[in-house]
Amino acid sequence: MLKLTSSVHINMLICKMYAMKKGVVLLITIGFITVLSAIIAYMFSLSNSAFDEAQKSEQFNQSSILFYDVKDILDSYAKDVNDSEDLRTFLMGTPPFYDDKSALSLDVELEPLSNKININSILIKNKIDKNIVKFLQNVCETYNIIDSNFFIDLVLDTIDSDSVSREAMSEISQENMKFSNGRVLNFEHFKAILEYYVKKVQDRNILKVPWRELIYFGKSEYSEVDCDRMSRELINVIGFNSEDFAGCSELKDAVSEKIGSKFHLKSFSKVKNYYILVKISYQTNSIQDQIEFKYNIKNSKVSDSELF
């Protein structure tokens, strides 16, 4: 009788723990929306006339306040993201906010970056990662890019800090003194590389590649790829069939494990760097602004912030 009672208590405890887990996920979503909505209401409590009369400096100040407030919200809820399911809920973010009375709107989007290849990881401390070279070769083969070697050398010569060309005309900074070396900074910087390639090779196929689905621009460091959230384009390029690949659980057989090891495919882990792109957009009457920055869920640090 004692054993039976203990068993019933254990089952009840398991049910309660499961219910608590679902409750935490729901609270993260509801809490994120509630707190952000409160901040929005506070931010836009100013009258329309005040916004109309605002100068650029005032607009910058408002954007700065929004940046820090959204950052505080992210910090608050990122600490509860411990597994892939928590991450899925976190990335849902909040729906766009719009107030009819004041014609004020705010939108915050969260986009994972660590589900792509960090192009800057191709060169770490002057050591070339041959697997990322292979990835770029696969991209060039998939999208019929004529001179993959020249394109890869353009990328490498952009990421390294010297001014020595790996091959003829591959050091863009020799022709354009304003061109930045040391890493690929963002898509605008990367676009300059693509346009330079087109100019020299007369091959426009490189502009047809869905680069935003394949790469991002992090630090020159070892980077893992979230195999549960890769795009169909990336899945195909690295060697899987996007129709069949269902995520990290597919990395079981020898061939899949080899691909996974080659491109550092891993499921989400809080102990590893995991970057998301945060986009904040707001508008009121004639004033609108956008802020973007990278956010690391592991340590709540922000990098590469841009004000548009």
C-alpha atoms as a PDB file:
ATOM      1  CA  MET A   1       0.000   0.000   0.000  1.00  0.00           C
ATOM      2  CA  LEU A   2       2.883   2.329   0.828  1.00  0.00           C
ATOM      3  CA  LYS A   3       4.574   1.578  -2.492  1.00  0.00           C
ATOM      4  CA  LEU A   4       1.340   2.270  -4.387  1.00  0.00           C
ATOM      5  CA  THR A   5       0.880   5.609  -2.629  1.00  0.00           C
ATOM      6  CA  SER A   6       4.472   6.600  -3.422  1.00  0.00           C
ATOM      7  CA  SER A   7       3.933   5.728  -7.075  1.00  0.00           C
ATOM      8  CA  VAL A   8       0.818   7.908  -7.250  1.00  0.00           C
ATOM      9  CA  HIS A   9       2.721  10.818  -5.660  1.00  0.00           C
ATOM     10  CA  ILE A  10       5.557  10.425  -8.176  1.00  0.00           C
ATOM     11  CA  ASN A  11       3.146  10.439 -11.124  1.00  0.00           C
ATOM     12  CA  MET A  12       1.426  13.513  -9.765  1.00  0.00           C
ATOM     13  CA  LEU A  13       4.806  15.228  -9.357  1.00  0.00           C
ATOM     14  CA  ILE A  14       5.780  14.443 -12.969  1.00  0.00           C
ATOM     15  CA  CYS A  15       2.483  15.859 -14.238  1.00  0.00           C
ATOM     16  CA  LYS A  16       2.993  19.031 -12.204  1.00  0.00           C
ATOM     17  CA  MET A  17       6.549  19.460 -13.535  1.00  0.00           C
ATOM     18  CA  TYR A  18       5.333  19.069 -17.130  1.00  0.00           C
ATOM     19  CA  ALA A  19       2.586  21.603 -16.561  1.00  0.00           C
ATOM     20  CA  MET A  20       5.110  24.007 -15.025  1.00  0.00           C
ATOM     21  CA  LYS A  21       7.362  23.661 -18.081  1.00  0.00           C
ATOM     22  CA  LYS A  22       4.499  24.584 -20.429  1.00  0.00           C
ATOM     23  CA  GLY A  23       3.562  27.403 -18.107  1.00  0.00           C
ATOM     24  CA  VAL A  24       7.069  28.863 -18.199  1.00  0.00           C
ATOM     25  CA  VAL A  25       7.058  28.859 -22.026  1.00  0.00           C
ATOM     26  CA  LEU A  26       3.677  30.604 -22.051  1.00  0.00           C
ATOM     27  CA  LEU A  27       4.838  33.159 -19.472  1.00  0.00           C
ATOM     28  CA  ILE A  28       7.906  33.992 -21.556  1.00  0.00           C
ATOM     29  CA  THR A  29       5.701  34.793 -24.555  1.00  0.00           C
ATOM     30  CA  ILE A  30       3.028  36.706 -22.632  1.00  0.00           C
ATOM     31  CA  GLY A  31       5.593  38.487 -20.469  1.00  0.00           C
ATOM     32  CA  PHE A  32       7.643  39.621 -23.459  1.00  0.00           C
ATOM     33  CA  ILE A  33       4.566  41.089 -25.138  1.00  0.00           C
ATOM     34  CA  THR A  34       3.237  42.695 -21.937  1.00  0.00           C
ATOM     35  CA  VAL A  35       6.486  44.370 -20.897  1.00  0.00           C
ATOM     36  CA  LEU A  36       7.288  45.584 -24.395  1.00  0.00           C
ATOM     37  CA  SER A  37       3.786  46.999 -24.796  1.00  0.00           C
ATOM     38  CA  ALA A  38       4.205  48.895 -21.523  1.00  0.00           C
ATOM     39  CA  ILE A  39       7.487  50.389 -22.723  1.00  0.00           C
ATOM     40  CA  ILE A  40       5.881  51.340 -26.023  1.00  0.00           C
ATOM     41  CA  ALA A  41       3.058  53.125 -24.205  1.00  0.00           C
ATOM     42  CA  TYR A  42       5.608  54.999 -22.108  1.00  0.00           C
ATOM     43  CA  MET A  43       7.819  55.843 -25.077  1.00  0.00           C
ATOM     44  CA  PHE A  44       4.989  57.254 -27.129  1.00  0.00           C
ATOM     45  CA  SER A  45       3.217  59.172 -24.403  1.00  0.00           C
ATOM     46  CA  LEU A  46       4.600  62.328 -26.004  1.00  0.00           C
ATOM     47  CA  SER A  47       2.102  64.314 -28.052  1.00  0.00           C
ATOM     48  CA  ASN A  48       2.117  64.295 -31.845  1.00  0.00           C
ATOM     49  CA  SER A  49       3.123  67.952 -31.886  1.00  0.00           C
ATOM     50  CA  ALA A  50       6.196  67.151 -29.812  1.00  0.00           C
ATOM     51  CA  PHE A  51       7.261  64.558 -32.351  1.00  0.00           C
ATOM     52  CA  ASP A  52       6.543  66.909 -35.270  1.00  0.00           C
ATOM     53  CA  GLU A  53       8.837  69.526 -33.773  1.00  0.00           C
ATOM     54  CA  ALA A  54      11.587  67.073 -32.905  1.00  0.00           C
ATOM     55  CA  GLN A  55      14.952  67.641 -34.508  1.00  0.00           C
ATOM     56  CA  LYS A  56      17.436  64.999 -35.569  1.00  0.00           C
ATOM     57  CA  SER A  57      19.073  65.032 -32.164  1.00  0.00           C
ATOM     58  CA  GLU A  58      15.732  64.345 -30.517  1.00  0.00           C
ATOM     59  CA  GLN A  59      15.086  61.503 -32.953  1.00  0.00           C
ATOM     60  CA  PHE A  60      18.456  60.033 -32.075  1.00  0.00           C
ATOM     61  CA  ASN A  61      17.646  60.307 -28.362  1.00  0.00           C
ATOM     62  CA  GLN A  62      14.327  58.515 -28.805  1.00  0.00           C
ATOM     63  CA  SER A  63      16.021  55.761 -30.798  1.00  0.00           C
ATOM     64  CA  SER A  64      18.637  55.399 -28.086  1.00  0.00           C
ATOM     65  CA  ILE A  65      15.958  55.050 -25.405  1.00  0.00           C
ATOM     66  CA  LEU A  66      14.185  52.406 -27.457  1.00  0.00           C
ATOM     67  CA  PHE A  67      17.442  50.562 -27.982  1.00  0.00           C
ATOM     68  CA  TYR A  68      18.217  50.339 -24.269  1.00  0.00           C
ATOM     69  CA  ASP A  69      14.648  49.460 -23.299  1.00  0.00           C
ATOM     70  CA  VAL A  70      14.413  46.627 -25.836  1.00  0.00           C
ATOM     71  CA  LYS A  71      17.876  45.456 -24.773  1.00  0.00           C
ATOM     72  CA  ASP A  72      16.665  45.267 -21.152  1.00  0.00           C
ATOM     73  CA  ILE A  73      13.678  43.177 -22.229  1.00  0.00           C
ATOM     74  CA  LEU A  74      15.893  40.801 -24.201  1.00  0.00           C
ATOM     75  CA  ASP A  75      18.209  40.420 -21.212  1.00  0.00           C
ATOM     76  CA  SER A  76      15.272  39.647 -18.939  1.00  0.00           C
ATOM     77  CA  TYR A  77      13.854  36.869 -21.087  1.00  0.00           C
ATOM     78  CA  ALA A  78      17.045  35.487 -22.611  1.00  0.00           C
ATOM     79  CA  LYS A  79      18.077  34.169 -19.188  1.00  0.00           C
ATOM     80  CA  ASP A  80      15.138  31.720 -19.356  1.00  0.00           C
ATOM     81  CA  VAL A  81      16.176  30.355 -22.768  1.00  0.00           C
ATOM     82  CA  ASN A  82      17.833  27.032 -21.971  1.00  0.00           C
ATOM     83  CA  ASP A  83      16.894  24.689 -24.810  1.00  0.00           C
ATOM     84  CA  SER A  84      15.728  24.709 -28.424  1.00  0.00           C
ATOM     85  CA  GLU A  85      12.038  24.906 -27.485  1.00  0.00           C
ATOM     86  CA  ASP A  86      12.665  27.934 -25.262  1.00  0.00           C
ATOM     87  CA  LEU A  87      14.572  29.511 -28.144  1.00  0.00           C
ATOM     88  CA  ARG A  88      11.666  28.925 -30.530  1.00  0.00           C
ATOM     89  CA  THR A  89       9.331  30.746 -28.136  1.00  0.00           C
ATOM     90  CA  PHE A  90      11.832  33.561 -27.565  1.00  0.00           C
ATOM     91  CA  LEU A  91      12.269  34.165 -31.292  1.00  0.00           C
ATOM     92  CA  MET A  92       8.514  34.671 -31.680  1.00  0.00           C
ATOM     93  CA  GLY A  93       9.103  38.077 -30.124  1.00  0.00           C
ATOM     94  CA  THR A  94       6.076  40.335 -30.101  1.00  0.00           C
ATOM     95  CA  PRO A  95       3.464  41.380 -32.681  1.00  0.00           C
ATOM     96  CA  PRO A  96       3.698  44.892 -34.199  1.00  0.00           C
ATOM     97  CA  PHE A  97       2.233  47.652 -32.023  1.00  0.00           C
ATOM     98  CA  TYR A  98       0.035  50.375 -33.510  1.00  0.00           C
ATOM     99  CA  ASP A  99      -1.943  53.097 -31.781  1.00  0.00           C
ATOM    100  CA  ASP A 100      -4.746  54.591 -33.909  1.00  0.00           C
ATOM    101  CA  LYS A 101      -5.171  57.622 -31.701  1.00  0.00           C
ATOM    102  CA  SER A 102      -1.600  58.856 -31.980  1.00  0.00           C
ATOM    103  CA  ALA A 103      -0.651  57.130 -35.293  1.00  0.00           C
ATOM    104  CA  LEU A 104       2.342  55.608 -33.563  1.00  0.00           C
ATOM    105  CA  SER A 105       3.771  52.224 -34.539  1.00  0.00           C
ATOM    106  CA  LEU A 106       6.572  50.012 -33.296  1.00  0.00           C
ATOM    107  CA  ASP A 107       7.836  46.690 -34.599  1.00  0.00           C
ATOM    108  CA  VAL A 108      10.537  44.482 -33.071  1.00  0.00           C
ATOM    109  CA  GLU A 109      11.771  41.509 -35.104  1.00  0.00           C
ATOM    110  CA  LEU A 110      14.118  38.778 -33.870  1.00  0.00           C
ATOM    111  CA  GLU A 111      15.959  36.814 -36.550  1.00  0.00           C
ATOM    112  CA  PRO A 112      18.420  34.001 -35.799  1.00  0.00           C
ATOM    113  CA  LEU A 113      21.868  34.439 -37.324  1.00  0.00           C
ATOM    114  CA  SER A 114      23.586  31.363 -35.922  1.00  0.00           C
ATOM    115  CA  ASN A 115      21.533  29.167 -38.273  1.00  0.00           C
ATOM    116  CA  LYS A 116      23.824  30.335 -41.079  1.00  0.00           C
ATOM    117  CA  ILE A 117      27.545  30.201 -41.892  1.00  0.00           C
ATOM    118  CA  ASN A 118      29.655  32.967 -40.349  1.00  0.00           C
ATOM    119  CA  ILE A 119      31.641  34.053 -43.392  1.00  0.00           C
ATOM    120  CA  ASN A 120      34.329  35.685 -41.230  1.00  0.00           C
ATOM    121  CA  SER A 121      35.125  32.301 -39.682  1.00  0.00           C
ATOM    122  CA  ILE A 122      36.845  31.346 -42.923  1.00  0.00           C
ATOM    123  CA  LEU A 123      40.005  32.993 -41.568  1.00  0.00           C
ATOM    124  CA  ILE A 124      40.901  32.867 -37.870  1.00  0.00           C
ATOM    125  CA  LYS A 125      44.345  34.052 -36.800  1.00  0.00           C
ATOM    126  CA  ASN A 126      45.574  33.701 -40.400  1.00  0.00           C
ATOM    127  CA  LYS A 127      44.457  30.062 -40.548  1.00  0.00           C
ATOM    128  CA  ILE A 128      42.033  29.228 -43.355  1.00  0.00           C
ATOM    129  CA  ASP A 129      39.077  26.988 -42.569  1.00  0.00           C
ATOM    130  CA  LYS A 130      39.031  24.632 -45.555  1.00  0.00           C
ATOM    131  CA  ASN A 131      35.475  23.565 -44.782  1.00  0.00           C
ATOM    132  CA  ILE A 132      34.137  27.091 -45.247  1.00  0.00           C
ATOM    133  CA  VAL A 133      36.207  27.318 -48.434  1.00  0.00           C
ATOM    134  CA  LYS A 134      34.406  24.150 -49.521  1.00  0.00           C
ATOM    135  CA  PHE A 135      31.089  25.734 -48.563  1.00  0.00           C
ATOM    136  CA  LEU A 136      31.800  28.730 -50.825  1.00  0.00           C
ATOM    137  CA  GLN A 137      32.886  26.386 -53.611  1.00  0.00           C
ATOM    138  CA  ASN A 138      29.563  24.561 -53.220  1.00  0.00           C
ATOM    139  CA  VAL A 139      27.716  27.881 -53.439  1.00  0.00           C
ATOM    140  CA  CYS A 140      29.571  28.789 -56.627  1.00  0.00           C
ATOM    141  CA  GLU A 141      28.862  25.379 -58.150  1.00  0.00           C
ATOM    142  CA  THR A 142      25.181  25.476 -57.178  1.00  0.00           C
ATOM    143  CA  TYR A 143      24.598  28.942 -58.653  1.00  0.00           C
ATOM    144  CA  ASN A 144      26.928  28.653 -61.685  1.00  0.00           C
ATOM    145  CA  ILE A 145      29.505  31.224 -60.592  1.00  0.00           C
ATOM    146  CA  ILE A 146      32.385  31.230 -63.066  1.00  0.00           C
ATOM    147  CA  ASP A 147      35.502  32.014 -61.008  1.00  0.00           C
ATOM    148  CA  SER A 148      35.097  30.595 -57.487  1.00  0.00           C
ATOM    149  CA  ASN A 149      38.818  30.865 -56.714  1.00  0.00           C
ATOM    150  CA  PHE A 150      38.909  34.597 -57.424  1.00  0.00           C
ATOM    151  CA  PHE A 151      35.761  35.196 -55.375  1.00  0.00           C
ATOM    152  CA  ILE A 152      37.115  33.234 -52.383  1.00  0.00           C
ATOM    153  CA  ASP A 153      40.399  35.141 -52.587  1.00  0.00           C
ATOM    154  CA  LEU A 154      38.437  38.407 -52.574  1.00  0.00           C
ATOM    155  CA  VAL A 155      36.739  37.314 -49.348  1.00  0.00           C
ATOM    156  CA  LEU A 156      40.018  36.209 -47.752  1.00  0.00           C
ATOM    157  CA  ASP A 157      41.819  39.405 -48.754  1.00  0.00           C
ATOM    158  CA  THR A 158      38.981  41.411 -47.226  1.00  0.00           C
ATOM    159  CA  ILE A 159      39.102  39.528 -43.932  1.00  0.00           C
ATOM    160  CA  ASP A 160      42.883  39.578 -43.500  1.00  0.00           C
ATOM    161  CA  SER A 161      44.484  42.815 -42.344  1.00  0.00           C
ATOM    162  CA  ASP A 162      47.374  43.040 -44.808  1.00  0.00           C
ATOM    163  CA  SER A 163      47.407  44.629 -48.250  1.00  0.00           C
ATOM    164  CA  VAL A 164      49.056  41.719 -50.073  1.00  0.00           C
ATOM    165  CA  SER A 165      47.010  40.221 -52.920  1.00  0.00           C
ATOM    166  CA  ARG A 166      46.480  36.466 -52.961  1.00  0.00           C
ATOM    167  CA  GLU A 167      46.149  36.724 -56.728  1.00  0.00           C
ATOM    168  CA  ALA A 168      46.018  39.524 -59.291  1.00  0.00           C
ATOM    169  CA  MET A 169      43.394  42.164 -58.369  1.00  0.00           C
ATOM    170  CA  SER A 170      42.065  40.264 -55.348  1.00  0.00           C
ATOM    171  CA  GLU A 171      42.972  43.025 -52.847  1.00  0.00           C
ATOM    172  CA  ILE A 172      40.151  45.536 -53.313  1.00  0.00           C
ATOM    173  CA  SER A 173      41.785  48.080 -50.980  1.00  0.00           C
ATOM    174  CA  GLN A 174      44.593  48.559 -53.525  1.00  0.00           C
ATOM    175  CA  GLU A 175      42.061  50.070 -55.933  1.00  0.00           C
ATOM    176  CA  ASN A 176      39.720  51.604 -53.384  1.00  0.00           C
ATOM    177  CA  MET A 177      41.486  53.239 -50.455  1.00  0.00           C
ATOM    178  CA  LYS A 178      38.173  53.592 -48.587  1.00  0.00           C
ATOM    179  CA  PHE A 179      37.484  49.866 -48.690  1.00  0.00           C
ATOM    180  CA  SER A 180      37.711  48.361 -45.195  1.00  0.00           C
ATOM    181  CA  ASN A 181      39.835  45.304 -44.397  1.00  0.00           C
ATOM    182  CA  GLY A 182      39.931  43.133 -41.271  1.00  0.00           C
ATOM    183  CA  ARG A 183      36.515  41.433 -41.607  1.00  0.00           C
ATOM    184  CA  VAL A 184      33.365  41.586 -43.684  1.00  0.00           C
ATOM    185  CA  LEU A 185      31.293  44.072 -41.693  1.00  0.00           C
ATOM    186  CA  ASN A 186      27.759  43.710 -43.053  1.00  0.00           C
ATOM    187  CA  PHE A 187      25.753  43.118 -46.216  1.00  0.00           C
ATOM    188  CA  GLU A 188      26.624  46.531 -47.643  1.00  0.00           C
ATOM    189  CA  HIS A 189      30.301  45.689 -47.272  1.00  0.00           C
ATOM    190  CA  PHE A 190      29.732  42.229 -48.768  1.00  0.00           C
ATOM    191  CA  LYS A 191      27.756  43.764 -51.627  1.00  0.00           C
ATOM    192  CA  ALA A 192      30.822  45.835 -52.505  1.00  0.00           C
ATOM    193  CA  ILE A 193      32.796  42.580 -52.836  1.00  0.00           C
ATOM    194  CA  LEU A 194      30.120  41.101 -55.108  1.00  0.00           C
ATOM    195  CA  GLU A 195      30.033  44.213 -57.309  1.00  0.00           C
ATOM    196  CA  TYR A 196      33.825  44.234 -57.559  1.00  0.00           C
ATOM    197  CA  TYR A 197      33.734  40.563 -58.615  1.00  0.00           C
ATOM    198  CA  VAL A 198      31.110  41.333 -61.286  1.00  0.00           C
ATOM    199  CA  LYS A 199      33.197  44.236 -62.575  1.00  0.00           C
ATOM    200  CA  LYS A 200      36.348  42.123 -62.929  1.00  0.00           C
ATOM    201  CA  VAL A 201      34.849  38.815 -64.116  1.00  0.00           C
ATOM    202  CA  GLN A 202      31.695  40.020 -65.918  1.00  0.00           C
ATOM    203  CA  ASP A 203      29.680  37.312 -64.171  1.00  0.00           C
ATOM    204  CA  ARG A 204      26.366  38.479 -62.701  1.00  0.00           C
ATOM    205  CA  ASN A 205      25.321  35.041 -61.448  1.00  0.00           C
ATOM    206  CA  ILE A 206      26.921  35.847 -58.113  1.00  0.00           C
ATOM    207  CA  LEU A 207      24.223  38.487 -57.563  1.00  0.00           C
ATOM    208  CA  LYS A 208      21.508  35.817 -57.872  1.00  0.00           C
ATOM    209  CA  VAL A 209      22.737  33.838 -54.863  1.00  0.00           C
ATOM    210  CA  PRO A 210      20.367  34.113 -51.825  1.00  0.00           C
ATOM    211  CA  TRP A 211      23.254  35.191 -49.625  1.00  0.00           C
ATOM    212  CA  ARG A 212      21.014  36.362 -46.767  1.00  0.00           C
ATOM    213  CA  GLU A 213      19.790  32.784 -46.363  1.00  0.00           C
ATOM    214  CA  LEU A 214      23.320  31.368 -46.321  1.00  0.00           C
ATOM    215  CA  ILE A 215      25.709  33.619 -44.391  1.00  0.00           C
ATOM    216  CA  TYR A 216      26.057  36.258 -41.713  1.00  0.00           C
ATOM    217  CA  PHE A 217      28.918  38.504 -40.592  1.00  0.00           C
ATOM    218  CA  GLY A 218      30.116  37.703 -37.097  1.00  0.00           C
ATOM    219  CA  LYS A 219      33.526  37.929 -35.510  1.00  0.00           C
ATOM    220  CA  SER A 220      36.437  35.911 -36.874  1.00  0.00           C
ATOM    221  CA  GLU A 221      35.891  33.095 -34.399  1.00  0.00           C
ATOM    222  CA  TYR A 222      34.846  29.459 -34.257  1.00  0.00           C
ATOM    223  CA  SER A 223      31.109  29.389 -34.934  1.00  0.00           C
ATOM    224  CA  GLU A 224      28.523  26.627 -34.707  1.00  0.00           C
ATOM    225  CA  VAL A 225      25.461  26.393 -36.974  1.00  0.00           C
ATOM    226  CA  ASP A 226      22.006  25.697 -35.541  1.00  0.00           C
ATOM    227  CA  CYS A 227      20.967  22.690 -37.642  1.00  0.00           C
ATOM    228  CA  ASP A 228      17.346  22.903 -36.447  1.00  0.00           C
ATOM    229  CA  ARG A 229      16.810  26.295 -38.097  1.00  0.00           C
ATOM    230  CA  MET A 230      18.787  26.253 -41.336  1.00  0.00           C
ATOM    231  CA  SER A 231      17.177  27.562 -44.528  1.00  0.00           C
ATOM    232  CA  ARG A 232      16.320  25.225 -47.388  1.00  0.00           C
ATOM    233  CA  GLU A 233      19.020  26.923 -49.455  1.00  0.00           C
ATOM    234  CA  LEU A 234      21.719  26.261 -46.867  1.00  0.00           C
ATOM    235  CA  ILE A 235      20.593  22.655 -46.356  1.00  0.00           C
ATOM    236  CA  ASN A 236      21.002  21.995 -50.086  1.00  0.00           C
ATOM    237  CA  VAL A 237      24.346  23.787 -50.424  1.00  0.00           C
ATOM    238  CA  ILE A 238      26.066  21.869 -47.610  1.00  0.00           C
ATOM    239  CA  GLY A 239      24.992  18.511 -49.041  1.00  0.00           C
ATOM    240  CA  PHE A 240      21.604  17.507 -47.610  1.00  0.00           C
ATOM    241  CA  ASN A 241      18.256  17.200 -49.360  1.00  0.00           C
ATOM    242  CA  SER A 242      16.020  19.967 -48.069  1.00  0.00           C
ATOM    243  CA  GLU A 243      12.931  17.842 -48.768  1.00  0.00           C
ATOM    244  CA  ASP A 244      14.100  15.161 -46.329  1.00  0.00           C
ATOM    245  CA  PHE A 245      16.249  16.996 -43.774  1.00  0.00           C
ATOM    246  CA  ALA A 246      14.295  17.580 -40.550  1.00  0.00           C
ATOM    247  CA  GLY A 247      16.985  19.077 -38.325  1.00  0.00           C
ATOM    248  CA  CYS A 248      19.717  17.989 -35.948  1.00  0.00           C
ATOM    249  CA  SER A 249      18.001  14.653 -35.297  1.00  0.00           C
ATOM    250  CA  GLU A 250      18.970  13.659 -38.856  1.00  0.00           C
ATOM    251  CA  LEU A 251      22.703  13.624 -38.042  1.00  0.00           C
ATOM    252  CA  LYS A 252      22.806   9.895 -37.304  1.00  0.00           C
ATOM    253  CA  ASP A 253      24.408   7.969 -40.158  1.00  0.00           C
ATOM    254  CA  ALA A 254      28.089   8.216 -41.071  1.00  0.00           C
ATOM    255  CA  VAL A 255      27.567  10.499 -44.079  1.00  0.00           C
ATOM    256  CA  SER A 256      25.343  12.952 -42.174  1.00  0.00           C
ATOM    257  CA  GLU A 257      27.683  12.985 -39.189  1.00  0.00           C
ATOM    258  CA  LYS A 258      30.598  13.809 -41.500  1.00  0.00           C
ATOM    259  CA  ILE A 259      28.729  16.771 -43.000  1.00  0.00           C
ATOM    260  CA  GLY A 260      27.666  17.881 -39.541  1.00  0.00           C
ATOM    261  CA  SER A 261      31.222  17.761 -38.263  1.00  0.00           C
ATOM    262  CA  LYS A 262      32.594  19.557 -41.329  1.00  0.00           C
ATOM    263  CA  PHE A 263      30.260  22.541 -41.010  1.00  0.00           C
ATOM    264  CA  HIS A 264      29.967  22.555 -37.194  1.00  0.00           C
ATOM    265  CA  LEU A 265      26.261  21.691 -37.147  1.00  0.00           C
ATOM    266  CA  LYS A 266      24.937  21.617 -33.576  1.00  0.00           C
ATOM    267  CA  SER A 267      21.628  21.953 -31.782  1.00  0.00           C
ATOM    268  CA  PHE A 268      21.148  25.084 -29.682  1.00  0.00           C
ATOM    269  CA  SER A 269      23.162  25.235 -26.460  1.00  0.00           C
ATOM    270  CA  LYS A 270      23.169  28.086 -23.972  1.00  0.00           C
ATOM    271  CA  VAL A 271      26.884  27.561 -23.277  1.00  0.00           C
ATOM    272  CA  LYS A 272      27.780  28.471 -26.879  1.00  0.00           C
ATOM    273  CA  ASN A 273      27.588  31.840 -28.594  1.00  0.00           C
ATOM    274  CA  TYR A 274      24.232  32.226 -30.323  1.00  0.00           C
ATOM    275  CA  TYR A 275      23.570  35.392 -32.287  1.00  0.00           C
ATOM    276  CA  ILE A 276      20.276  36.911 -33.329  1.00  0.00           C
ATOM    277  CA  LEU A 277      19.580  40.030 -35.368  1.00  0.00           C
ATOM    278  CA  VAL A 278      17.285  42.483 -33.611  1.00  0.00           C
ATOM    279  CA  LYS A 279      15.404  44.964 -35.815  1.00  0.00           C
ATOM    280  CA  ILE A 280      13.533  47.838 -34.152  1.00  0.00           C
ATOM    281  CA  SER A 281      11.351  50.032 -36.364  1.00  0.00           C
ATOM    282  CA  TYR A 282       9.137  52.876 -35.216  1.00  0.00           C
ATOM    283  CA  GLN A 283       7.165  55.590 -36.969  1.00  0.00           C
ATOM    284  CA  THR A 284       5.024  58.549 -36.046  1.00  0.00           C
ATOM    285  CA  ASN A 285       3.700  61.028 -38.612  1.00  0.00           C
ATOM    286  CA  SER A 286       6.719  62.186 -40.646  1.00  0.00           C
ATOM    287  CA  ILE A 287       9.342  60.638 -38.363  1.00  0.00           C
ATOM    288  CA  GLN A 288      10.486  57.071 -38.778  1.00  0.00           C
ATOM    289  CA  ASP A 289      13.623  55.271 -37.752  1.00  0.00           C
ATOM    290  CA  GLN A 290      15.168  51.812 -37.637  1.00  0.00           C
ATOM    291  CA  ILE A 291      17.784  50.278 -35.374  1.00  0.00           C
ATOM    292  CA  GLU A 292      19.560  46.971 -35.933  1.00  0.00           C
ATOM    293  CA  PHE A 293      22.030  45.123 -33.751  1.00  0.00           C
ATOM    294  CA  LYS A 294      23.363  41.654 -33.093  1.00  0.00           C
ATOM    295  CA  TYR A 295      22.487  40.097 -29.740  1.00  0.00           C
ATOM    296  CA  ASN A 296      24.306  37.140 -28.178  1.00  0.00           C
ATOM    297  CA  ILE A 297      21.905  35.006 -26.125  1.00  0.00           C
ATOM    298  CA  LYS A 298      24.798  33.377 -24.277  1.00  0.00           C
ATOM    299  CA  ASN A 299      26.067  36.521 -22.554  1.00  0.00           C
ATOM    300  CA  SER A 300      23.456  39.201 -23.455  1.00  0.00           C
ATOM    301  CA  LYS A 301      26.080  41.273 -25.267  1.00  0.00           C
ATOM    302  CA  VAL A 302      25.288  43.578 -28.181  1.00  0.00           C
ATOM    303  CA  SER A 303      27.502  44.157 -31.201  1.00  0.00           C
ATOM    304  CA  ASP A 304      27.380  45.859 -34.601  1.00  0.00           C
ATOM    305  CA  SER A 305      24.553  48.260 -33.792  1.00  0.00           C
ATOM    306  CA  GLU A 306      23.364  50.480 -36.645  1.00  0.00           C
ATOM    307  CA  LEU A 307      20.991  53.425 -36.699  1.00  0.00           C
ATOM    308  CA  PHE A 308      19.290  54.075 -40.049  1.00  0.00           C
END
